[in-house]
Amino acid sequence: MSPAQQVATAVTDLDGVAELHGGVLGEVATYLPGGRVNGVRLDKSGVEVHVVLFLDDDIRAVAAEVQRVASGVVGVPATVVVEDVVARV
């Protein structure tokens, strides 16, 4: 599993994260041989994670946890962008 895939798995496993978000035009992704990881942009300087969070959770706390987890997985600074919030169904 690639580092970007590891970040994606760790982040989507967090309570409060509905899904990763690839950006308005799908521009937020890490490209891999044979595929891509939407919502995670990883390079040598850091990782950028775009997420959709659940509305009924503490958005700031969940975003901070996403940042901590993503940075911990790959060992570089993480930036979190909350693209949207949704209600739990």
C-alpha atoms as a PDB file:
ATOM      1  CA  MET A   1       0.000   0.000   0.000  1.00  0.00           C
ATOM      2  CA  SER A   2       1.402   3.407  -0.974  1.00  0.00           C
ATOM      3  CA  PRO A   3       1.819   6.207   1.606  1.00  0.00           C
ATOM      4  CA  ALA A   4      -1.094   8.110   0.011  1.00  0.00           C
ATOM      5  CA  GLN A   5      -3.299   5.022   0.299  1.00  0.00           C
ATOM      6  CA  GLN A   6      -2.212   4.614   3.928  1.00  0.00           C
ATOM      7  CA  VAL A   7      -3.244   8.210   4.653  1.00  0.00           C
ATOM      8  CA  ALA A   8      -6.580   7.686   2.899  1.00  0.00           C
ATOM      9  CA  THR A   9      -7.313   4.542   4.901  1.00  0.00           C
ATOM     10  CA  ALA A  10      -6.283   6.048   8.239  1.00  0.00           C
ATOM     11  CA  VAL A  11      -8.310   9.219   7.675  1.00  0.00           C
ATOM     12  CA  THR A  12     -11.477   7.533   6.440  1.00  0.00           C
ATOM     13  CA  ASP A  13     -11.366   5.188   9.439  1.00  0.00           C
ATOM     14  CA  LEU A  14     -11.736   8.173  11.789  1.00  0.00           C
ATOM     15  CA  ASP A  15     -15.106   8.777  13.395  1.00  0.00           C
ATOM     16  CA  GLY A  16     -16.449  12.051  12.029  1.00  0.00           C
ATOM     17  CA  VAL A  17     -15.010  11.671   8.521  1.00  0.00           C
ATOM     18  CA  ALA A  18     -17.690  10.939   5.925  1.00  0.00           C
ATOM     19  CA  GLU A  19     -15.330  10.637   2.953  1.00  0.00           C
ATOM     20  CA  LEU A  20     -12.368  12.094   1.123  1.00  0.00           C
ATOM     21  CA  HIS A  21     -13.090  14.814  -1.436  1.00  0.00           C
ATOM     22  CA  GLY A  22     -11.251  15.112  -4.736  1.00  0.00           C
ATOM     23  CA  GLY A  23     -11.949  18.815  -5.197  1.00  0.00           C
ATOM     24  CA  VAL A  24     -14.431  20.538  -7.475  1.00  0.00           C
ATOM     25  CA  LEU A  25     -12.831  19.198 -10.649  1.00  0.00           C
ATOM     26  CA  GLY A  26     -11.116  16.149  -9.179  1.00  0.00           C
ATOM     27  CA  GLU A  27      -7.828  18.009  -8.992  1.00  0.00           C
ATOM     28  CA  VAL A  28      -6.895  16.855  -5.484  1.00  0.00           C
ATOM     29  CA  ALA A  29      -5.269  13.454  -5.861  1.00  0.00           C
ATOM     30  CA  THR A  30      -2.073  11.486  -5.726  1.00  0.00           C
ATOM     31  CA  TYR A  31      -1.415   9.641  -8.962  1.00  0.00           C
ATOM     32  CA  LEU A  32      -0.076   6.113  -8.765  1.00  0.00           C
ATOM     33  CA  PRO A  33       0.702   3.501 -11.400  1.00  0.00           C
ATOM     34  CA  GLY A  34      -2.686   2.145 -12.392  1.00  0.00           C
ATOM     35  CA  GLY A  35      -4.780   4.539 -10.343  1.00  0.00           C
ATOM     36  CA  ARG A  36      -5.110   7.544  -8.105  1.00  0.00           C
ATOM     37  CA  VAL A  37      -5.965   8.379  -4.508  1.00  0.00           C
ATOM     38  CA  ASN A  38      -8.647  11.073  -4.543  1.00  0.00           C
ATOM     39  CA  GLY A  39      -8.614  13.612  -1.724  1.00  0.00           C
ATOM     40  CA  VAL A  40      -4.950  13.129  -0.806  1.00  0.00           C
ATOM     41  CA  ARG A  41      -2.162  15.159  -2.383  1.00  0.00           C
ATOM     42  CA  LEU A  42       1.239  13.968  -1.195  1.00  0.00           C
ATOM     43  CA  ASP A  43       4.684  15.277  -2.079  1.00  0.00           C
ATOM     44  CA  LYS A  44       8.042  15.729  -0.336  1.00  0.00           C
ATOM     45  CA  SER A  45       6.980  18.919   1.437  1.00  0.00           C
ATOM     46  CA  GLY A  46       3.762  17.625   2.970  1.00  0.00           C
ATOM     47  CA  VAL A  47       0.384  16.029   2.606  1.00  0.00           C
ATOM     48  CA  GLU A  48      -2.880  17.798   1.830  1.00  0.00           C
ATOM     49  CA  VAL A  49      -6.070  15.999   2.807  1.00  0.00           C
ATOM     50  CA  HIS A  50      -9.499  17.151   1.586  1.00  0.00           C
ATOM     51  CA  VAL A  51     -12.398  15.748   3.582  1.00  0.00           C
ATOM     52  CA  VAL A  52     -16.153  15.788   4.024  1.00  0.00           C
ATOM     53  CA  LEU A  53     -17.070  15.706   7.715  1.00  0.00           C
ATOM     54  CA  PHE A  54     -20.249  14.900   9.589  1.00  0.00           C
ATOM     55  CA  LEU A  55     -22.170  17.989  10.671  1.00  0.00           C
ATOM     56  CA  ASP A  56     -23.067  16.712  14.139  1.00  0.00           C
ATOM     57  CA  ASP A  57     -19.415  16.306  15.206  1.00  0.00           C
ATOM     58  CA  ASP A  58     -17.024  18.993  16.429  1.00  0.00           C
ATOM     59  CA  ILE A  59     -15.636  20.044  13.036  1.00  0.00           C
ATOM     60  CA  ARG A  60     -12.471  21.628  14.449  1.00  0.00           C
ATOM     61  CA  ALA A  61     -11.685  18.615  16.622  1.00  0.00           C
ATOM     62  CA  VAL A  62     -12.199  16.153  13.776  1.00  0.00           C
ATOM     63  CA  ALA A  63     -10.092  18.282  11.407  1.00  0.00           C
ATOM     64  CA  ALA A  64      -7.318  18.432  14.026  1.00  0.00           C
ATOM     65  CA  GLU A  65      -7.455  14.642  14.383  1.00  0.00           C
ATOM     66  CA  VAL A  66      -7.272  14.246  10.591  1.00  0.00           C
ATOM     67  CA  GLN A  67      -4.204  16.492  10.592  1.00  0.00           C
ATOM     68  CA  ARG A  68      -2.527  14.554  13.416  1.00  0.00           C
ATOM     69  CA  VAL A  69      -3.240  11.145  11.872  1.00  0.00           C
ATOM     70  CA  ALA A  70      -2.237  12.094   8.316  1.00  0.00           C
ATOM     71  CA  SER A  71       1.012  13.676   9.482  1.00  0.00           C
ATOM     72  CA  GLY A  72       1.762  10.672  11.666  1.00  0.00           C
ATOM     73  CA  VAL A  73       1.282   8.202   8.833  1.00  0.00           C
ATOM     74  CA  VAL A  74       3.729   9.854   6.446  1.00  0.00           C
ATOM     75  CA  GLY A  75       5.957  11.902   8.760  1.00  0.00           C
ATOM     76  CA  VAL A  76       5.492  15.221   6.967  1.00  0.00           C
ATOM     77  CA  PRO A  77       3.307  18.250   7.805  1.00  0.00           C
ATOM     78  CA  ALA A  78      -0.378  17.859   6.968  1.00  0.00           C
ATOM     79  CA  THR A  79      -2.856  20.448   5.761  1.00  0.00           C
ATOM     80  CA  VAL A  80      -6.553  19.657   6.091  1.00  0.00           C
ATOM     81  CA  VAL A  81      -9.232  21.219   3.908  1.00  0.00           C
ATOM     82  CA  VAL A  82     -12.837  20.679   4.963  1.00  0.00           C
ATOM     83  CA  GLU A  83     -14.618  20.676   1.613  1.00  0.00           C
ATOM     84  CA  ASP A  84     -18.119  20.006   2.927  1.00  0.00           C
ATOM     85  CA  VAL A  85     -20.182  18.798   5.862  1.00  0.00           C
ATOM     86  CA  VAL A  86     -23.048  16.318   5.672  1.00  0.00           C
ATOM     87  CA  ALA A  87     -25.683  14.920   7.999  1.00  0.00           C
ATOM     88  CA  ARG A  88     -25.443  11.328   9.155  1.00  0.00           C
ATOM     89  CA  VAL A  89     -28.128   9.139   7.647  1.00  0.00           C
END
